[in-house]
Amino acid sequence: MAINIKNFLNVKNKLSKMRDFQDLGHIDGISISAITADLYSDGRDDITLFYFSEGAKYASVYTKSKIVSENIKFNLQLKNKLVKALFINTKNANTFTGKQG
């Protein structure tokens, strides 16, 4: 599936379930954009990108389960205490892939 990203960081209002947030005032150091990847086939925004120009501190909480996906293994190895971006997908992804999945 190809994702059309031409609307990322575009300031015009779009079809969105987040009507109240479309008029959110400027926040220094943060850019927020939502677009449709057509995950729901109805045109609503379904992926969001938060960009932090100076980086942002973050915290993580994980399950104690011994069965973890590759993205969790990757996250556990991170040493950097700042993130530059946060990408949110509104649908669940298949996390168990590969030989052990």
PDB file of N, CA and C in Angstrom:
ATOM      1  N   MET A   1       0.843  -1.173   0.000  1.00  0.00           N
ATOM      2  CA  MET A   1       0.000   0.000   0.000  1.00  0.00           C
ATOM      3  C   MET A   1       0.890   1.239   0.000  1.00  0.00           C
ATOM      4  N   ALA A   2       0.661   2.126  -0.927  1.00  0.00           N
ATOM      5  CA  ALA A   2       1.394   3.381  -0.984  1.00  0.00           C
ATOM      6  C   ALA A   2       0.692   4.408  -0.106  1.00  0.00           C
ATOM      7  N   ILE A   3       1.473   5.195   0.598  1.00  0.00           N
ATOM      8  CA  ILE A   3       0.921   6.240   1.450  1.00  0.00           C
ATOM      9  C   ILE A   3       1.228   7.585   0.817  1.00  0.00           C
ATOM     10  N   ASN A   4       0.208   8.381   0.592  1.00  0.00           N
ATOM     11  CA  ASN A   4       0.373   9.710   0.030  1.00  0.00           C
ATOM     12  C   ASN A   4       0.733  10.658   1.164  1.00  0.00           C
ATOM     13  N   ILE A   5       1.980  11.139   1.191  1.00  0.00           N
ATOM     14  CA  ILE A   5       2.417  11.997   2.290  1.00  0.00           C
ATOM     15  C   ILE A   5       2.484  13.468   1.900  1.00  0.00           C
ATOM     16  N   LYS A   6       1.895  13.845   0.772  1.00  0.00           N
ATOM     17  CA  LYS A   6       2.002  15.237   0.334  1.00  0.00           C
ATOM     18  C   LYS A   6       1.322  16.206   1.295  1.00  0.00           C
ATOM     19  N   ASN A   7       0.397  15.734   2.111  1.00  0.00           N
ATOM     20  CA  ASN A   7      -0.296  16.621   3.042  1.00  0.00           C
ATOM     21  C   ASN A   7       0.396  16.760   4.392  1.00  0.00           C
ATOM     22  N   PHE A   8       1.457  15.987   4.648  1.00  0.00           N
ATOM     23  CA  PHE A   8       2.146  16.129   5.927  1.00  0.00           C
ATOM     24  C   PHE A   8       2.646  17.555   6.086  1.00  0.00           C
ATOM     25  N   LEU A   9       2.469  18.108   7.248  1.00  0.00           N
ATOM     26  CA  LEU A   9       2.888  19.454   7.616  1.00  0.00           C
ATOM     27  C   LEU A   9       2.189  20.525   6.793  1.00  0.00           C
ATOM     28  N   ASN A  10       1.036  20.210   6.218  1.00  0.00           N
ATOM     29  CA  ASN A  10       0.209  21.168   5.496  1.00  0.00           C
ATOM     30  C   ASN A  10      -0.716  21.836   6.510  1.00  0.00           C
ATOM     31  N   VAL A  11      -0.861  23.155   6.446  1.00  0.00           N
ATOM     32  CA  VAL A  11      -1.616  23.881   7.465  1.00  0.00           C
ATOM     33  C   VAL A  11      -3.118  23.936   7.215  1.00  0.00           C
ATOM     34  N   LYS A  12      -3.586  23.578   6.030  1.00  0.00           N
ATOM     35  CA  LYS A  12      -5.023  23.695   5.764  1.00  0.00           C
ATOM     36  C   LYS A  12      -5.815  22.622   6.517  1.00  0.00           C
ATOM     37  N   ASN A  13      -7.060  22.953   6.866  1.00  0.00           N
ATOM     38  CA  ASN A  13      -7.937  22.000   7.561  1.00  0.00           C
ATOM     39  C   ASN A  13      -8.319  20.865   6.627  1.00  0.00           C
ATOM     40  N   LYS A  14      -8.437  19.674   7.204  1.00  0.00           N
ATOM     41  CA  LYS A  14      -8.766  18.486   6.428  1.00  0.00           C
ATOM     42  C   LYS A  14      -9.919  17.754   7.100  1.00  0.00           C
ATOM     43  N   LEU A  15     -10.491  16.779   6.370  1.00  0.00           N
ATOM     44  CA  LEU A  15     -11.494  15.897   6.962  1.00  0.00           C
ATOM     45  C   LEU A  15     -10.839  15.178   8.137  1.00  0.00           C
ATOM     46  N   SER A  16     -11.418  15.294   9.298  1.00  0.00           N
ATOM     47  CA  SER A  16     -10.797  14.709  10.479  1.00  0.00           C
ATOM     48  C   SER A  16     -11.847  14.463  11.550  1.00  0.00           C
ATOM     49  N   LYS A  17     -11.640  13.426  12.351  1.00  0.00           N
ATOM     50  CA  LYS A  17     -12.476  13.168  13.517  1.00  0.00           C
ATOM     51  C   LYS A  17     -12.036  14.064  14.681  1.00  0.00           C
ATOM     52  N   MET A  18     -10.902  14.745  14.532  1.00  0.00           N
ATOM     53  CA  MET A  18     -10.335  15.568  15.599  1.00  0.00           C
ATOM     54  C   MET A  18     -10.649  17.041  15.345  1.00  0.00           C
ATOM     55  N   ARG A  19     -11.909  17.368  15.173  1.00  0.00           N
ATOM     56  CA  ARG A  19     -12.317  18.732  14.822  1.00  0.00           C
ATOM     57  C   ARG A  19     -11.766  19.777  15.788  1.00  0.00           C
ATOM     58  N   ASP A  20     -11.813  19.509  17.086  1.00  0.00           N
ATOM     59  CA  ASP A  20     -11.381  20.497  18.071  1.00  0.00           C
ATOM     60  C   ASP A  20      -9.898  20.814  17.976  1.00  0.00           C
ATOM     61  N   PHE A  21      -9.098  19.880  17.499  1.00  0.00           N
ATOM     62  CA  PHE A  21      -7.661  20.084  17.452  1.00  0.00           C
ATOM     63  C   PHE A  21      -7.200  20.776  16.178  1.00  0.00           C
ATOM     64  N   GLN A  22      -8.062  20.916  15.198  1.00  0.00           N
ATOM     65  CA  GLN A  22      -7.651  21.581  13.969  1.00  0.00           C
ATOM     66  C   GLN A  22      -7.370  23.056  14.199  1.00  0.00           C
ATOM     67  N   ASP A  23      -7.932  23.643  15.248  1.00  0.00           N
ATOM     68  CA  ASP A  23      -7.695  25.047  15.561  1.00  0.00           C
ATOM     69  C   ASP A  23      -6.688  25.223  16.693  1.00  0.00           C
ATOM     70  N   LEU A  24      -5.926  24.195  16.995  1.00  0.00           N
ATOM     71  CA  LEU A  24      -4.912  24.251  18.040  1.00  0.00           C
ATOM     72  C   LEU A  24      -3.897  25.331  17.698  1.00  0.00           C
ATOM     73  N   GLY A  25      -3.589  26.183  18.651  1.00  0.00           N
ATOM     74  CA  GLY A  25      -2.627  27.255  18.426  1.00  0.00           C
ATOM     75  C   GLY A  25      -1.212  26.736  18.235  1.00  0.00           C
ATOM     76  N   HIS A  26      -0.335  27.627  17.817  1.00  0.00           N
ATOM     77  CA  HIS A  26       1.063  27.277  17.568  1.00  0.00           C
ATOM     78  C   HIS A  26       1.762  26.889  18.870  1.00  0.00           C
ATOM     79  N   ILE A  27       2.551  25.835  18.816  1.00  0.00           N
ATOM     80  CA  ILE A  27       3.373  25.401  19.942  1.00  0.00           C
ATOM     81  C   ILE A  27       4.808  25.383  19.441  1.00  0.00           C
ATOM     82  N   ASP A  28       5.681  26.212  20.021  1.00  0.00           N
ATOM     83  CA  ASP A  28       7.072  26.284  19.576  1.00  0.00           C
ATOM     84  C   ASP A  28       7.739  24.917  19.635  1.00  0.00           C
ATOM     85  N   GLY A  29       8.405  24.556  18.552  1.00  0.00           N
ATOM     86  CA  GLY A  29       9.185  23.328  18.505  1.00  0.00           C
ATOM     87  C   GLY A  29       8.420  22.076  18.128  1.00  0.00           C
ATOM     88  N   ILE A  30       7.111  22.184  17.909  1.00  0.00           N
ATOM     89  CA  ILE A  30       6.305  21.009  17.571  1.00  0.00           C
ATOM     90  C   ILE A  30       5.519  21.271  16.292  1.00  0.00           C
ATOM     91  N   SER A  31       5.578  20.316  15.390  1.00  0.00           N
ATOM     92  CA  SER A  31       4.723  20.322  14.204  1.00  0.00           C
ATOM     93  C   SER A  31       3.893  19.049  14.258  1.00  0.00           C
ATOM     94  N   ILE A  32       2.600  19.171  14.029  1.00  0.00           N
ATOM     95  CA  ILE A  32       1.691  18.027  14.077  1.00  0.00           C
ATOM     96  C   ILE A  32       0.929  17.969  12.766  1.00  0.00           C
ATOM     97  N   SER A  33       0.875  16.788  12.179  1.00  0.00           N
ATOM     98  CA  SER A  33       0.135  16.635  10.937  1.00  0.00           C
ATOM     99  C   SER A  33      -0.567  15.291  10.921  1.00  0.00           C
ATOM    100  N   ALA A  34      -1.769  15.282  10.366  1.00  0.00           N
ATOM    101  CA  ALA A  34      -2.531  14.044  10.203  1.00  0.00           C
ATOM    102  C   ALA A  34      -3.002  13.963   8.762  1.00  0.00           C
ATOM    103  N   ILE A  35      -2.898  12.776   8.188  1.00  0.00           N
ATOM    104  CA  ILE A  35      -3.359  12.554   6.814  1.00  0.00           C
ATOM    105  C   ILE A  35      -4.036  11.194   6.731  1.00  0.00           C
ATOM    106  N   THR A  36      -4.638  10.935   5.599  1.00  0.00           N
ATOM    107  CA  THR A  36      -5.238   9.625   5.392  1.00  0.00           C
ATOM    108  C   THR A  36      -4.300   8.729   4.592  1.00  0.00           C
ATOM    109  N   ALA A  37      -4.157   7.505   5.058  1.00  0.00           N
ATOM    110  CA  ALA A  37      -3.480   6.451   4.294  1.00  0.00           C
ATOM    111  C   ALA A  37      -4.542   5.505   3.757  1.00  0.00           C
ATOM    112  N   ASP A  38      -5.798   5.895   3.914  1.00  0.00           N
ATOM    113  CA  ASP A  38      -6.975   5.145   3.488  1.00  0.00           C
ATOM    114  C   ASP A  38      -7.057   3.776   4.170  1.00  0.00           C
ATOM    115  N   LEU A  39      -6.676   3.736   5.446  1.00  0.00           N
ATOM    116  CA  LEU A  39      -6.753   2.489   6.206  1.00  0.00           C
ATOM    117  C   LEU A  39      -8.198   2.093   6.479  1.00  0.00           C
ATOM    118  N   TYR A  40      -9.106   3.066   6.513  1.00  0.00           N
ATOM    119  CA  TYR A  40     -10.517   2.797   6.784  1.00  0.00           C
ATOM    120  C   TYR A  40     -11.403   2.964   5.558  1.00  0.00           C
ATOM    121  N   SER A  41     -10.860   3.380   4.454  1.00  0.00           N
ATOM    122  CA  SER A  41     -11.590   3.544   3.184  1.00  0.00           C
ATOM    123  C   SER A  41     -12.706   4.585   3.238  1.00  0.00           C
ATOM    124  N   ASP A  42     -12.646   5.509   4.192  1.00  0.00           N
ATOM    125  CA  ASP A  42     -13.678   6.555   4.236  1.00  0.00           C
ATOM    126  C   ASP A  42     -13.096   7.964   4.161  1.00  0.00           C
ATOM    127  N   GLY A  43     -11.798   8.075   3.924  1.00  0.00           N
ATOM    128  CA  GLY A  43     -11.173   9.379   3.750  1.00  0.00           C
ATOM    129  C   GLY A  43     -10.756  10.090   5.014  1.00  0.00           C
ATOM    130  N   ARG A  44     -11.057   9.517   6.189  1.00  0.00           N
ATOM    131  CA  ARG A  44     -10.679  10.206   7.426  1.00  0.00           C
ATOM    132  C   ARG A  44      -9.176  10.073   7.675  1.00  0.00           C
ATOM    133  N   ASP A  45      -8.644  11.011   8.437  1.00  0.00           N
ATOM    134  CA  ASP A  45      -7.235  10.956   8.807  1.00  0.00           C
ATOM    135  C   ASP A  45      -6.994   9.725   9.673  1.00  0.00           C
ATOM    136  N   ASP A  46      -5.957   8.948   9.317  1.00  0.00           N
ATOM    137  CA  ASP A  46      -5.693   7.734  10.076  1.00  0.00           C
ATOM    138  C   ASP A  46      -4.224   7.535  10.434  1.00  0.00           C
ATOM    139  N   ILE A  47      -3.363   8.448  10.027  1.00  0.00           N
ATOM    140  CA  ILE A  47      -1.977   8.434  10.503  1.00  0.00           C
ATOM    141  C   ILE A  47      -1.599   9.853  10.917  1.00  0.00           C
ATOM    142  N   THR A  48      -0.775   9.945  11.945  1.00  0.00           N
ATOM    143  CA  THR A  48      -0.374  11.241  12.488  1.00  0.00           C
ATOM    144  C   THR A  48       1.126  11.257  12.709  1.00  0.00           C
ATOM    145  N   LEU A  49       1.733  12.410  12.442  1.00  0.00           N
ATOM    146  CA  LEU A  49       3.156  12.614  12.678  1.00  0.00           C
ATOM    147  C   LEU A  49       3.324  13.805  13.609  1.00  0.00           C
ATOM    148  N   PHE A  50       4.026  13.591  14.712  1.00  0.00           N
ATOM    149  CA  PHE A  50       4.450  14.669  15.597  1.00  0.00           C
ATOM    150  C   PHE A  50       5.945  14.846  15.351  1.00  0.00           C
ATOM    151  N   TYR A  51       6.386  16.065  15.045  1.00  0.00           N
ATOM    152  CA  TYR A  51       7.808  16.347  14.836  1.00  0.00           C
ATOM    153  C   TYR A  51       8.259  17.327  15.912  1.00  0.00           C
ATOM    154  N   PHE A  52       9.317  16.955  16.631  1.00  0.00           N
ATOM    155  CA  PHE A  52       9.868  17.775  17.704  1.00  0.00           C
ATOM    156  C   PHE A  52      11.218  18.312  17.242  1.00  0.00           C
ATOM    157  N   SER A  53      11.289  19.594  16.892  1.00  0.00           N
ATOM    158  CA  SER A  53      12.503  20.149  16.287  1.00  0.00           C
ATOM    159  C   SER A  53      13.712  20.082  17.213  1.00  0.00           C
ATOM    160  N   GLU A  54      13.507  20.191  18.506  1.00  0.00           N
ATOM    161  CA  GLU A  54      14.619  20.121  19.458  1.00  0.00           C
ATOM    162  C   GLU A  54      14.721  18.750  20.127  1.00  0.00           C
ATOM    163  N   GLY A  55      13.875  17.841  19.752  1.00  0.00           N
ATOM    164  CA  GLY A  55      13.812  16.544  20.415  1.00  0.00           C
ATOM    165  C   GLY A  55      12.891  16.634  21.628  1.00  0.00           C
ATOM    166  N   ALA A  56      12.389  15.502  22.070  1.00  0.00           N
ATOM    167  CA  ALA A  56      11.488  15.458  23.224  1.00  0.00           C
ATOM    168  C   ALA A  56      11.828  14.237  24.072  1.00  0.00           C
ATOM    169  N   LYS A  57      11.788  14.400  25.387  1.00  0.00           N
ATOM    170  CA  LYS A  57      11.993  13.263  26.282  1.00  0.00           C
ATOM    171  C   LYS A  57      10.790  12.344  26.178  1.00  0.00           C
ATOM    172  N   TYR A  58      11.007  11.070  26.442  1.00  0.00           N
ATOM    173  CA  TYR A  58       9.916  10.105  26.351  1.00  0.00           C
ATOM    174  C   TYR A  58      10.059   9.043  27.429  1.00  0.00           C
ATOM    175  N   ALA A  59       8.987   8.336  27.661  1.00  0.00           N
ATOM    176  CA  ALA A  59       8.980   7.209  28.589  1.00  0.00           C
ATOM    177  C   ALA A  59       8.311   6.040  27.894  1.00  0.00           C
ATOM    178  N   SER A  60       8.688   4.839  28.273  1.00  0.00           N
ATOM    179  CA  SER A  60       8.115   3.633  27.672  1.00  0.00           C
ATOM    180  C   SER A  60       7.657   2.682  28.769  1.00  0.00           C
ATOM    181  N   VAL A  61       6.576   1.991  28.501  1.00  0.00           N
ATOM    182  CA  VAL A  61       6.069   0.956  29.401  1.00  0.00           C
ATOM    183  C   VAL A  61       5.852  -0.291  28.563  1.00  0.00           C
ATOM    184  N   TYR A  62       6.384  -1.422  29.013  1.00  0.00           N
ATOM    185  CA  TYR A  62       6.300  -2.661  28.246  1.00  0.00           C
ATOM    186  C   TYR A  62       5.699  -3.781  29.087  1.00  0.00           C
ATOM    187  N   THR A  63       5.183  -4.774  28.404  1.00  0.00           N
ATOM    188  CA  THR A  63       4.657  -5.959  29.058  1.00  0.00           C
ATOM    189  C   THR A  63       5.807  -6.791  29.637  1.00  0.00           C
ATOM    190  N   LYS A  64       5.504  -7.637  30.595  1.00  0.00           N
ATOM    191  CA  LYS A  64       6.501  -8.562  31.139  1.00  0.00           C
ATOM    192  C   LYS A  64       6.529  -9.871  30.360  1.00  0.00           C
ATOM    193  N   SER A  65       5.691  -9.984  29.362  1.00  0.00           N
ATOM    194  CA  SER A  65       5.621 -11.197  28.551  1.00  0.00           C
ATOM    195  C   SER A  65       6.967 -11.492  27.899  1.00  0.00           C
ATOM    196  N   LYS A  66       7.299 -12.760  27.793  1.00  0.00           N
ATOM    197  CA  LYS A  66       8.540 -13.178  27.125  1.00  0.00           C
ATOM    198  C   LYS A  66       8.372 -13.147  25.608  1.00  0.00           C
ATOM    199  N   ILE A  67       7.136 -13.054  25.139  1.00  0.00           N
ATOM    200  CA  ILE A  67       6.870 -12.996  23.702  1.00  0.00           C
ATOM    201  C   ILE A  67       6.767 -11.528  23.312  1.00  0.00           C
ATOM    202  N   VAL A  68       7.775 -11.035  22.600  1.00  0.00           N
ATOM    203  CA  VAL A  68       7.792  -9.624  22.197  1.00  0.00           C
ATOM    204  C   VAL A  68       8.047  -9.515  20.701  1.00  0.00           C
ATOM    205  N   SER A  69       7.532  -8.463  20.114  1.00  0.00           N
ATOM    206  CA  SER A  69       7.718  -8.233  18.683  1.00  0.00           C
ATOM    207  C   SER A  69       9.067  -7.560  18.422  1.00  0.00           C
ATOM    208  N   GLU A  70       9.457  -7.536  17.161  1.00  0.00           N
ATOM    209  CA  GLU A  70      10.742  -6.953  16.786  1.00  0.00           C
ATOM    210  C   GLU A  70      10.814  -5.468  17.110  1.00  0.00           C
ATOM    211  N   ASN A  71       9.702  -4.745  16.966  1.00  0.00           N
ATOM    212  CA  ASN A  71       9.755  -3.317  17.279  1.00  0.00           C
ATOM    213  C   ASN A  71       9.988  -3.079  18.771  1.00  0.00           C
ATOM    214  N   ILE A  72       9.492  -3.956  19.634  1.00  0.00           N
ATOM    215  CA  ILE A  72       9.751  -3.832  21.069  1.00  0.00           C
ATOM    216  C   ILE A  72      11.215  -4.139  21.361  1.00  0.00           C
ATOM    217  N   LYS A  73      11.766  -5.163  20.732  1.00  0.00           N
ATOM    218  CA  LYS A  73      13.194  -5.469  20.902  1.00  0.00           C
ATOM    219  C   LYS A  73      14.042  -4.272  20.491  1.00  0.00           C
ATOM    220  N   PHE A  74      13.680  -3.638  19.380  1.00  0.00           N
ATOM    221  CA  PHE A  74      14.397  -2.453  18.906  1.00  0.00           C
ATOM    222  C   PHE A  74      14.305  -1.331  19.943  1.00  0.00           C
ATOM    223  N   ASN A  75      13.107  -1.074  20.435  1.00  0.00           N
ATOM    224  CA  ASN A  75      12.910   0.002  21.409  1.00  0.00           C
ATOM    225  C   ASN A  75      13.706  -0.232  22.689  1.00  0.00           C
ATOM    226  N   LEU A  76      13.804  -1.473  23.122  1.00  0.00           N
ATOM    227  CA  LEU A  76      14.539  -1.783  24.347  1.00  0.00           C
ATOM    228  C   LEU A  76      16.038  -1.530  24.203  1.00  0.00           C
ATOM    229  N   GLN A  77      16.544  -1.516  22.978  1.00  0.00           N
ATOM    230  CA  GLN A  77      17.961  -1.277  22.733  1.00  0.00           C
ATOM    231  C   GLN A  77      18.309   0.210  22.629  1.00  0.00           C
ATOM    232  N   LEU A  78      17.308   1.072  22.529  1.00  0.00           N
ATOM    233  CA  LEU A  78      17.558   2.505  22.355  1.00  0.00           C
ATOM    234  C   LEU A  78      18.262   3.090  23.567  1.00  0.00           C
ATOM    235  N   LYS A  79      19.277   3.889  23.309  1.00  0.00           N
ATOM    236  CA  LYS A  79      20.010   4.560  24.382  1.00  0.00           C
ATOM    237  C   LYS A  79      19.728   6.060  24.399  1.00  0.00           C
ATOM    238  N   ASN A  80      19.254   6.588  23.270  1.00  0.00           N
ATOM    239  CA  ASN A  80      18.969   8.012  23.169  1.00  0.00           C
ATOM    240  C   ASN A  80      17.767   8.359  24.044  1.00  0.00           C
ATOM    241  N   LYS A  81      17.852   9.435  24.770  1.00  0.00           N
ATOM    242  CA  LYS A  81      16.767   9.847  25.665  1.00  0.00           C
ATOM    243  C   LYS A  81      15.842  10.877  25.031  1.00  0.00           C
ATOM    244  N   LEU A  82      16.093  11.227  23.772  1.00  0.00           N
ATOM    245  CA  LEU A  82      15.243  12.174  23.060  1.00  0.00           C
ATOM    246  C   LEU A  82      14.734  11.550  21.770  1.00  0.00           C
ATOM    247  N   VAL A  83      13.508  11.871  21.414  1.00  0.00           N
ATOM    248  CA  VAL A  83      12.967  11.459  20.119  1.00  0.00           C
ATOM    249  C   VAL A  83      12.727  12.714  19.295  1.00  0.00           C
ATOM    250  N   LYS A  84      12.861  12.592  17.989  1.00  0.00           N
ATOM    251  CA  LYS A  84      12.606  13.714  17.086  1.00  0.00           C
ATOM    252  C   LYS A  84      11.218  13.623  16.473  1.00  0.00           C
ATOM    253  N   ALA A  85      10.666  12.425  16.410  1.00  0.00           N
ATOM    254  CA  ALA A  85       9.361  12.259  15.770  1.00  0.00           C
ATOM    255  C   ALA A  85       8.587  11.129  16.439  1.00  0.00           C
ATOM    256  N   LEU A  86       7.274  11.232  16.331  1.00  0.00           N
ATOM    257  CA  LEU A  86       6.367  10.190  16.799  1.00  0.00           C
ATOM    258  C   LEU A  86       5.361   9.956  15.685  1.00  0.00           C
ATOM    259  N   PHE A  87       5.302   8.727  15.189  1.00  0.00           N
ATOM    260  CA  PHE A  87       4.400   8.361  14.098  1.00  0.00           C
ATOM    261  C   PHE A  87       3.320   7.459  14.666  1.00  0.00           C
ATOM    262  N   ILE A  88       2.062   7.802  14.440  1.00  0.00           N
ATOM    263  CA  ILE A  88       0.942   7.042  14.995  1.00  0.00           C
ATOM    264  C   ILE A  88       0.062   6.521  13.874  1.00  0.00           C
ATOM    265  N   ASN A  89      -0.192   5.221  13.921  1.00  0.00           N
ATOM    266  CA  ASN A  89      -1.045   4.527  12.958  1.00  0.00           C
ATOM    267  C   ASN A  89      -2.290   4.093  13.726  1.00  0.00           C
ATOM    268  N   THR A  90      -3.477   4.400  13.214  1.00  0.00           N
ATOM    269  CA  THR A  90      -4.699   4.111  13.962  1.00  0.00           C
ATOM    270  C   THR A  90      -5.134   2.657  13.940  1.00  0.00           C
ATOM    271  N   LYS A  91      -4.552   1.864  13.074  1.00  0.00           N
ATOM    272  CA  LYS A  91      -4.904   0.436  13.035  1.00  0.00           C
ATOM    273  C   LYS A  91      -3.774  -0.372  13.664  1.00  0.00           C
ATOM    274  N   ASN A  92      -4.108  -1.515  14.203  1.00  0.00           N
ATOM    275  CA  ASN A  92      -3.089  -2.399  14.763  1.00  0.00           C
ATOM    276  C   ASN A  92      -2.293  -3.035  13.644  1.00  0.00           C
ATOM    277  N   ALA A  93      -1.011  -3.156  13.864  1.00  0.00           N
ATOM    278  CA  ALA A  93      -0.140  -3.791  12.882  1.00  0.00           C
ATOM    279  C   ALA A  93       0.180  -5.210  13.342  1.00  0.00           C
ATOM    280  N   ASN A  94       0.545  -6.057  12.414  1.00  0.00           N
ATOM    281  CA  ASN A  94       0.977  -7.408  12.743  1.00  0.00           C
ATOM    282  C   ASN A  94       2.391  -7.318  13.297  1.00  0.00           C
ATOM    283  N   THR A  95       2.561  -7.565  14.591  1.00  0.00           N
ATOM    284  CA  THR A  95       3.874  -7.411  15.197  1.00  0.00           C
ATOM    285  C   THR A  95       4.684  -8.697  15.209  1.00  0.00           C
ATOM    286  N   PHE A  96       4.043  -9.829  15.084  1.00  0.00           N
ATOM    287  CA  PHE A  96       4.775 -11.088  15.112  1.00  0.00           C
ATOM    288  C   PHE A  96       5.079 -11.535  13.694  1.00  0.00           C
ATOM    289  N   THR A  97       6.270 -11.177  13.239  1.00  0.00           N
ATOM    290  CA  THR A  97       6.698 -11.510  11.886  1.00  0.00           C
ATOM    291  C   THR A  97       8.025 -12.247  11.952  1.00  0.00           C
ATOM    292  N   GLY A  98       8.391 -12.878  10.890  1.00  0.00           N
ATOM    293  CA  GLY A  98       9.659 -13.593  10.840  1.00  0.00           C
ATOM    294  C   GLY A  98       9.554 -15.005  11.390  1.00  0.00           C
ATOM    295  N   LYS A  99      10.699 -15.668  11.574  1.00  0.00           N
ATOM    296  CA  LYS A  99      10.740 -17.071  11.995  1.00  0.00           C
ATOM    297  C   LYS A  99      10.051 -17.318  13.331  1.00  0.00           C
ATOM    298  N   GLN A 100      10.290 -16.441  14.305  1.00  0.00           N
ATOM    299  CA  GLN A 100       9.720 -16.662  15.633  1.00  0.00           C
ATOM    300  C   GLN A 100       8.284 -16.161  15.734  1.00  0.00           C
ATOM    301  N   GLY A 101       7.802 -15.433  14.735  1.00  0.00           N
ATOM    302  CA  GLY A 101       6.454 -14.866  14.782  1.00  0.00           C
ATOM    303  C   GLY A 101       5.432 -15.883  14.403  1.00  0.00           C
TER     304      GLY A 101
END
